[in-house]
Amino acid sequence: MKTLMRAMAAMLLFSAIFLAGKKWGILPATKQVAMAANTPATSHVSQYALAYNDEVTLKYMYGSTVMFDCTGRDKKLINGVCETGRRVNDESVPGSGGRWYCYFHYEFSDGSTHGPYSETNMAPCLISPQ
């Protein structure tokens, strides 16, 4: 019982010293940080911090990992997730020597597009419905 009372008295004494030091400026104030983004607290939140939080959420909810190398004309980073766009064939034009020129673009879930692009084939490409 004496040990418990001594421990409680020591904790109270330590707390009083700590709080008094804070109040009188003996101990430096601690910096506040935005814990979610792990960045200094400001009124502006970086778009990259949100993308990182989306990545963490996806990883723990679905077990998926996000590709950081999101390169290629058919790829786009949307909300921290590398998405492959849907190819839309716009036009097929006959060329010389039995070749066909296919013009196309990519559409993404956020409504954006990449393109136009072209490729040369030995057969016409199917035109995508609008």
N, C-alpha and C. Protein backbone atom coordinates (compact mmCIF):
# COMPACT_ATOMS: atom_id res chain seq x y z
N MET A 1 0.81 -1.18 0.00
CA MET A 1 0.00 0.00 0.00
C MET A 1 0.87 1.26 0.00
N LYS A 2 1.96 1.21 0.80
CA LYS A 2 2.87 2.35 0.83
C LYS A 2 3.49 2.58 -0.54
N THR A 3 3.82 1.51 -1.22
CA THR A 3 4.45 1.61 -2.55
C THR A 3 3.50 2.27 -3.54
N LEU A 4 2.26 1.88 -3.50
CA LEU A 4 1.26 2.46 -4.39
C LEU A 4 1.08 3.95 -4.11
N MET A 5 1.03 4.33 -2.84
CA MET A 5 0.87 5.73 -2.47
C MET A 5 2.09 6.55 -2.90
N ARG A 6 3.28 5.98 -2.76
CA ARG A 6 4.50 6.68 -3.19
C ARG A 6 4.51 6.87 -4.70
N ALA A 7 4.09 5.85 -5.44
CA ALA A 7 4.05 5.94 -6.90
C ALA A 7 3.07 7.01 -7.35
N MET A 8 1.90 7.05 -6.70
CA MET A 8 0.90 8.06 -7.05
C MET A 8 1.42 9.46 -6.72
N ALA A 9 2.09 9.62 -5.58
CA ALA A 9 2.64 10.92 -5.19
C ALA A 9 3.71 11.35 -6.18
N ALA A 10 4.55 10.43 -6.61
CA ALA A 10 5.61 10.74 -7.57
C ALA A 10 5.00 11.17 -8.91
N MET A 11 3.94 10.50 -9.35
CA MET A 11 3.28 10.86 -10.61
C MET A 11 2.66 12.25 -10.51
N LEU A 12 2.03 12.55 -9.38
CA LEU A 12 1.44 13.87 -9.20
C LEU A 12 2.51 14.95 -9.19
N LEU A 13 3.62 14.70 -8.54
CA LEU A 13 4.72 15.66 -8.48
C LEU A 13 5.30 15.88 -9.89
N PHE A 14 5.53 14.81 -10.61
CA PHE A 14 6.05 14.91 -11.98
C PHE A 14 5.08 15.69 -12.86
N SER A 15 3.79 15.40 -12.79
CA SER A 15 2.79 16.12 -13.58
C SER A 15 2.78 17.60 -13.25
N ALA A 16 2.86 17.93 -11.98
CA ALA A 16 2.85 19.34 -11.57
C ALA A 16 4.08 20.06 -12.11
N ILE A 17 5.24 19.44 -12.03
CA ILE A 17 6.47 20.05 -12.55
C ILE A 17 6.37 20.23 -14.07
N PHE A 18 5.88 19.21 -14.76
CA PHE A 18 5.76 19.26 -16.22
C PHE A 18 4.80 20.37 -16.66
N LEU A 19 3.63 20.43 -16.03
CA LEU A 19 2.65 21.46 -16.40
C LEU A 19 3.14 22.86 -16.05
N ALA A 20 3.81 23.00 -14.92
CA ALA A 20 4.34 24.31 -14.53
C ALA A 20 5.42 24.74 -15.53
N GLY A 21 6.24 23.81 -15.96
CA GLY A 21 7.28 24.13 -16.95
C GLY A 21 6.68 24.60 -18.26
N LYS A 22 5.61 23.98 -18.69
CA LYS A 22 4.91 24.39 -19.91
C LYS A 22 4.33 25.78 -19.75
N LYS A 23 3.69 26.02 -18.60
CA LYS A 23 3.00 27.30 -18.37
C LYS A 23 3.99 28.45 -18.31
N TRP A 24 5.14 28.26 -17.66
CA TRP A 24 6.10 29.35 -17.48
C TRP A 24 7.12 29.42 -18.61
N GLY A 25 6.99 28.54 -19.62
CA GLY A 25 7.89 28.60 -20.77
C GLY A 25 9.23 27.95 -20.55
N ILE A 26 9.37 27.16 -19.50
CA ILE A 26 10.64 26.47 -19.26
C ILE A 26 10.81 25.34 -20.27
N LEU A 27 9.73 24.62 -20.57
CA LEU A 27 9.76 23.55 -21.56
C LEU A 27 9.23 24.09 -22.88
N PRO A 28 9.86 23.74 -24.02
CA PRO A 28 9.38 24.23 -25.32
C PRO A 28 8.04 23.62 -25.67
N ALA A 29 7.23 24.40 -26.38
CA ALA A 29 5.94 23.89 -26.84
C ALA A 29 6.16 22.88 -27.95
N THR A 30 5.32 21.87 -28.01
CA THR A 30 5.45 20.86 -29.04
C THR A 30 4.75 21.34 -30.31
N LYS A 31 5.29 20.91 -31.48
CA LYS A 31 4.67 21.27 -32.75
C LYS A 31 3.46 20.39 -32.99
N GLN A 32 2.43 20.98 -33.55
CA GLN A 32 1.27 20.19 -33.92
C GLN A 32 1.44 19.79 -35.38
N VAL A 33 1.16 18.56 -35.69
CA VAL A 33 1.26 18.08 -37.06
C VAL A 33 -0.03 17.41 -37.45
N ALA A 34 -0.30 17.44 -38.76
CA ALA A 34 -1.48 16.76 -39.27
C ALA A 34 -1.13 15.28 -39.34
N MET A 35 -1.70 14.49 -38.48
CA MET A 35 -1.33 13.09 -38.36
C MET A 35 -1.72 12.28 -39.59
N ALA A 36 -2.84 12.59 -40.24
CA ALA A 36 -3.28 11.79 -41.37
C ALA A 36 -2.31 11.88 -42.53
N ALA A 37 -1.82 13.08 -42.82
CA ALA A 37 -0.93 13.27 -43.96
C ALA A 37 0.53 13.24 -43.55
N ASN A 38 0.81 13.27 -42.26
CA ASN A 38 2.17 13.30 -41.74
C ASN A 38 2.93 14.50 -42.29
N THR A 39 2.26 15.63 -42.39
CA THR A 39 2.85 16.87 -42.86
C THR A 39 2.55 17.96 -41.86
N PRO A 40 3.31 19.09 -41.89
CA PRO A 40 3.00 20.18 -40.96
C PRO A 40 1.56 20.66 -41.12
N ALA A 41 0.95 21.01 -40.02
CA ALA A 41 -0.45 21.44 -40.06
C ALA A 41 -0.56 22.80 -40.73
N THR A 42 -1.29 22.85 -41.83
CA THR A 42 -1.56 24.10 -42.54
C THR A 42 -3.00 24.06 -43.02
N SER A 43 -3.43 25.17 -43.59
CA SER A 43 -4.79 25.20 -44.11
C SER A 43 -4.87 24.53 -45.47
N HIS A 44 -3.71 24.27 -46.12
CA HIS A 44 -3.68 23.66 -47.45
C HIS A 44 -3.25 22.20 -47.34
N VAL A 45 -4.05 21.29 -47.83
CA VAL A 45 -3.72 19.87 -47.81
C VAL A 45 -3.26 19.48 -49.20
N SER A 46 -2.12 18.85 -49.29
CA SER A 46 -1.54 18.46 -50.58
C SER A 46 -2.36 17.36 -51.23
N GLN A 47 -2.46 17.42 -52.57
CA GLN A 47 -3.17 16.36 -53.29
C GLN A 47 -2.42 15.04 -53.20
N TYR A 48 -1.12 15.09 -53.00
CA TYR A 48 -0.34 13.86 -52.88
C TYR A 48 -0.61 13.16 -51.55
N ALA A 49 -0.87 13.92 -50.51
CA ALA A 49 -1.21 13.32 -49.21
C ALA A 49 -2.51 12.53 -49.34
N LEU A 50 -3.48 13.06 -50.07
CA LEU A 50 -4.74 12.35 -50.25
C LEU A 50 -4.52 11.08 -51.07
N ALA A 51 -3.68 11.16 -52.07
CA ALA A 51 -3.39 9.98 -52.88
C ALA A 51 -2.74 8.90 -52.02
N TYR A 52 -1.84 9.29 -51.13
CA TYR A 52 -1.20 8.33 -50.25
C TYR A 52 -2.22 7.69 -49.33
N ASN A 53 -3.14 8.50 -48.79
CA ASN A 53 -4.17 7.94 -47.90
C ASN A 53 -5.08 6.97 -48.66
N ASP A 54 -5.38 7.29 -49.92
CA ASP A 54 -6.18 6.37 -50.73
C ASP A 54 -5.43 5.05 -50.92
N GLU A 55 -4.12 5.15 -51.13
CA GLU A 55 -3.32 3.94 -51.31
C GLU A 55 -3.35 3.07 -50.07
N VAL A 56 -3.17 3.68 -48.92
CA VAL A 56 -3.19 2.93 -47.66
C VAL A 56 -4.55 2.28 -47.45
N THR A 57 -5.62 3.02 -47.74
CA THR A 57 -6.97 2.48 -47.60
C THR A 57 -7.17 1.27 -48.50
N LEU A 58 -6.80 1.39 -49.76
CA LEU A 58 -6.95 0.27 -50.69
C LEU A 58 -6.13 -0.93 -50.26
N LYS A 59 -4.91 -0.68 -49.81
CA LYS A 59 -4.03 -1.77 -49.41
C LYS A 59 -4.63 -2.58 -48.26
N TYR A 60 -5.17 -1.89 -47.26
CA TYR A 60 -5.68 -2.60 -46.10
C TYR A 60 -7.10 -3.13 -46.29
N MET A 61 -7.88 -2.50 -47.17
CA MET A 61 -9.24 -2.99 -47.39
C MET A 61 -9.26 -4.16 -48.37
N TYR A 62 -8.48 -4.08 -49.44
CA TYR A 62 -8.57 -5.06 -50.50
C TYR A 62 -7.30 -5.88 -50.69
N GLY A 63 -6.24 -5.53 -49.98
CA GLY A 63 -4.99 -6.28 -50.12
C GLY A 63 -4.25 -5.93 -51.40
N SER A 64 -4.69 -4.90 -52.11
CA SER A 64 -4.03 -4.52 -53.35
C SER A 64 -2.95 -3.50 -53.06
N THR A 65 -1.99 -3.44 -53.94
CA THR A 65 -0.96 -2.43 -53.85
C THR A 65 -1.07 -1.51 -55.04
N VAL A 66 -0.65 -0.30 -54.86
CA VAL A 66 -0.76 0.70 -55.92
C VAL A 66 0.56 0.75 -56.69
N MET A 67 0.46 0.80 -58.00
CA MET A 67 1.65 0.91 -58.83
C MET A 67 2.13 2.36 -58.78
N PHE A 68 3.39 2.57 -58.39
CA PHE A 68 3.93 3.93 -58.38
C PHE A 68 4.43 4.30 -59.77
N ASP A 69 4.80 3.32 -60.57
CA ASP A 69 5.27 3.58 -61.92
C ASP A 69 4.09 3.43 -62.87
N CYS A 70 3.37 4.50 -63.05
CA CYS A 70 2.15 4.48 -63.86
C CYS A 70 2.46 5.13 -65.20
N THR A 71 3.19 4.41 -66.05
CA THR A 71 3.61 4.97 -67.33
C THR A 71 2.95 4.22 -68.48
N GLY A 72 2.91 4.87 -69.60
CA GLY A 72 2.29 4.31 -70.79
C GLY A 72 1.13 5.18 -71.22
N ARG A 73 0.88 5.21 -72.52
CA ARG A 73 -0.18 6.10 -73.02
C ARG A 73 -1.57 5.66 -72.60
N ASP A 74 -1.73 4.39 -72.22
CA ASP A 74 -3.03 3.90 -71.79
C ASP A 74 -3.18 3.89 -70.26
N LYS A 75 -2.23 4.50 -69.53
CA LYS A 75 -2.26 4.51 -68.06
C LYS A 75 -2.43 5.93 -67.54
N LYS A 76 -3.10 6.04 -66.37
CA LYS A 76 -3.26 7.32 -65.70
C LYS A 76 -3.46 7.08 -64.21
N LEU A 77 -2.83 7.91 -63.39
CA LEU A 77 -2.97 7.82 -61.94
C LEU A 77 -4.21 8.61 -61.53
N ILE A 78 -5.24 7.91 -61.06
CA ILE A 78 -6.50 8.53 -60.65
C ILE A 78 -6.75 8.18 -59.19
N ASN A 79 -6.80 9.19 -58.34
CA ASN A 79 -7.01 9.01 -56.90
C ASN A 79 -6.01 8.03 -56.29
N GLY A 80 -4.77 8.09 -56.75
CA GLY A 80 -3.72 7.25 -56.19
C GLY A 80 -3.70 5.83 -56.73
N VAL A 81 -4.54 5.52 -57.70
CA VAL A 81 -4.59 4.18 -58.29
C VAL A 81 -4.26 4.28 -59.77
N CYS A 82 -3.35 3.42 -60.24
CA CYS A 82 -2.99 3.41 -61.65
C CYS A 82 -4.10 2.69 -62.42
N GLU A 83 -4.73 3.43 -63.31
CA GLU A 83 -5.85 2.90 -64.08
C GLU A 83 -5.45 2.72 -65.54
N THR A 84 -5.93 1.65 -66.16
CA THR A 84 -5.74 1.44 -67.59
C THR A 84 -6.98 1.95 -68.30
N GLY A 85 -6.76 2.86 -69.26
CA GLY A 85 -7.87 3.46 -69.98
C GLY A 85 -8.52 2.51 -70.98
N ARG A 86 -9.74 2.86 -71.39
CA ARG A 86 -10.47 2.08 -72.39
C ARG A 86 -10.13 2.64 -73.76
N ARG A 87 -9.66 1.77 -74.66
CA ARG A 87 -9.29 2.21 -76.00
C ARG A 87 -10.56 2.41 -76.82
N VAL A 88 -10.62 3.57 -77.49
CA VAL A 88 -11.75 3.90 -78.36
C VAL A 88 -11.21 4.17 -79.75
N ASN A 89 -11.56 3.28 -80.72
CA ASN A 89 -11.13 3.48 -82.11
C ASN A 89 -12.02 4.51 -82.77
N ASP A 90 -11.39 5.57 -83.30
CA ASP A 90 -12.14 6.68 -83.89
C ASP A 90 -12.31 6.56 -85.40
N GLU A 91 -11.25 6.12 -86.07
CA GLU A 91 -11.29 6.12 -87.53
C GLU A 91 -10.33 5.08 -88.08
N SER A 92 -10.69 4.46 -89.20
CA SER A 92 -9.83 3.51 -89.90
C SER A 92 -9.72 3.98 -91.35
N VAL A 93 -8.49 4.29 -91.78
CA VAL A 93 -8.27 4.88 -93.11
C VAL A 93 -7.37 3.95 -93.92
N PRO A 94 -7.79 3.61 -95.18
CA PRO A 94 -6.94 2.76 -96.01
C PRO A 94 -5.68 3.51 -96.46
N GLY A 95 -4.58 2.81 -96.49
CA GLY A 95 -3.31 3.38 -96.94
C GLY A 95 -2.78 2.60 -98.13
N SER A 96 -1.53 2.83 -98.48
CA SER A 96 -0.93 2.15 -99.63
C SER A 96 -0.43 0.76 -99.23
N GLY A 97 -0.36 -0.13 -100.21
CA GLY A 97 0.17 -1.47 -99.97
C GLY A 97 -0.71 -2.33 -99.09
N GLY A 98 -2.00 -2.09 -99.06
CA GLY A 98 -2.92 -2.90 -98.27
C GLY A 98 -2.88 -2.60 -96.77
N ARG A 99 -2.25 -1.50 -96.41
CA ARG A 99 -2.18 -1.12 -94.99
C ARG A 99 -3.35 -0.22 -94.62
N TRP A 100 -3.66 -0.25 -93.32
CA TRP A 100 -4.72 0.58 -92.77
C TRP A 100 -4.15 1.41 -91.62
N TYR A 101 -4.60 2.64 -91.53
CA TYR A 101 -4.21 3.54 -90.44
C TYR A 101 -5.39 3.66 -89.48
N CYS A 102 -5.12 3.28 -88.25
CA CYS A 102 -6.16 3.30 -87.23
C CYS A 102 -5.87 4.45 -86.27
N TYR A 103 -6.86 5.33 -86.07
CA TYR A 103 -6.75 6.46 -85.16
C TYR A 103 -7.64 6.19 -83.93
N PHE A 104 -7.08 6.38 -82.75
CA PHE A 104 -7.80 6.03 -81.52
C PHE A 104 -7.36 6.93 -80.37
N HIS A 105 -8.10 6.86 -79.26
CA HIS A 105 -7.74 7.55 -78.01
C HIS A 105 -8.14 6.66 -76.84
N TYR A 106 -7.74 7.06 -75.63
CA TYR A 106 -8.08 6.32 -74.42
C TYR A 106 -8.99 7.17 -73.54
N GLU A 107 -9.99 6.54 -72.93
CA GLU A 107 -10.91 7.20 -72.00
C GLU A 107 -10.73 6.61 -70.61
N PHE A 108 -10.83 7.48 -69.58
CA PHE A 108 -10.62 7.05 -68.20
C PHE A 108 -11.87 7.31 -67.36
N SER A 109 -11.92 6.69 -66.20
CA SER A 109 -13.11 6.76 -65.36
C SER A 109 -13.43 8.16 -64.85
N ASP A 110 -12.43 9.04 -64.83
CA ASP A 110 -12.68 10.42 -64.37
C ASP A 110 -13.17 11.33 -65.50
N GLY A 111 -13.40 10.75 -66.70
CA GLY A 111 -13.91 11.51 -67.84
C GLY A 111 -12.84 12.10 -68.73
N SER A 112 -11.58 11.96 -68.37
CA SER A 112 -10.50 12.51 -69.19
C SER A 112 -10.14 11.55 -70.32
N THR A 113 -9.40 12.08 -71.31
CA THR A 113 -8.96 11.27 -72.45
C THR A 113 -7.48 11.52 -72.71
N HIS A 114 -6.82 10.54 -73.31
CA HIS A 114 -5.45 10.68 -73.83
C HIS A 114 -5.51 10.38 -75.31
N GLY A 115 -4.84 11.19 -76.10
CA GLY A 115 -4.80 10.92 -77.53
C GLY A 115 -5.07 12.16 -78.32
N PRO A 116 -5.18 12.07 -79.61
CA PRO A 116 -5.31 10.84 -80.41
C PRO A 116 -3.97 10.18 -80.70
N TYR A 117 -4.02 8.89 -80.99
CA TYR A 117 -2.88 8.09 -81.38
C TYR A 117 -3.21 7.40 -82.68
N SER A 118 -2.17 6.89 -83.34
CA SER A 118 -2.41 6.14 -84.58
C SER A 118 -1.49 4.92 -84.61
N GLU A 119 -1.92 3.92 -85.38
CA GLU A 119 -1.11 2.74 -85.62
C GLU A 119 -1.40 2.23 -87.02
N THR A 120 -0.45 1.48 -87.59
CA THR A 120 -0.60 0.93 -88.93
C THR A 120 -0.83 -0.57 -88.80
N ASN A 121 -1.89 -1.06 -89.48
CA ASN A 121 -2.24 -2.47 -89.43
C ASN A 121 -2.43 -3.01 -90.86
N MET A 122 -2.49 -4.32 -90.98
CA MET A 122 -2.76 -4.95 -92.27
C MET A 122 -4.25 -5.16 -92.49
N ALA A 123 -5.08 -4.80 -91.53
CA ALA A 123 -6.53 -4.92 -91.65
C ALA A 123 -7.15 -3.69 -90.98
N PRO A 124 -8.37 -3.33 -91.37
CA PRO A 124 -9.00 -2.18 -90.72
C PRO A 124 -9.35 -2.48 -89.25
N CYS A 125 -9.34 -1.45 -88.44
CA CYS A 125 -9.73 -1.64 -87.04
C CYS A 125 -11.24 -1.38 -86.91
N LEU A 126 -11.85 -2.03 -85.96
CA LEU A 126 -13.28 -1.85 -85.74
C LEU A 126 -13.50 -0.50 -85.06
N ILE A 127 -14.42 0.26 -85.58
CA ILE A 127 -14.72 1.57 -85.01
C ILE A 127 -15.60 1.38 -83.78
N SER A 128 -15.21 2.03 -82.69
CA SER A 128 -15.95 1.90 -81.43
C SER A 128 -17.24 2.69 -81.51
N PRO A 129 -18.33 2.16 -80.95
CA PRO A 129 -19.60 2.90 -80.92
C PRO A 129 -19.47 4.12 -80.01
N GLN A 130 -20.11 5.20 -80.37
CA GLN A 130 -20.03 6.44 -79.59
C GLN A 130 -21.04 6.46 -78.51
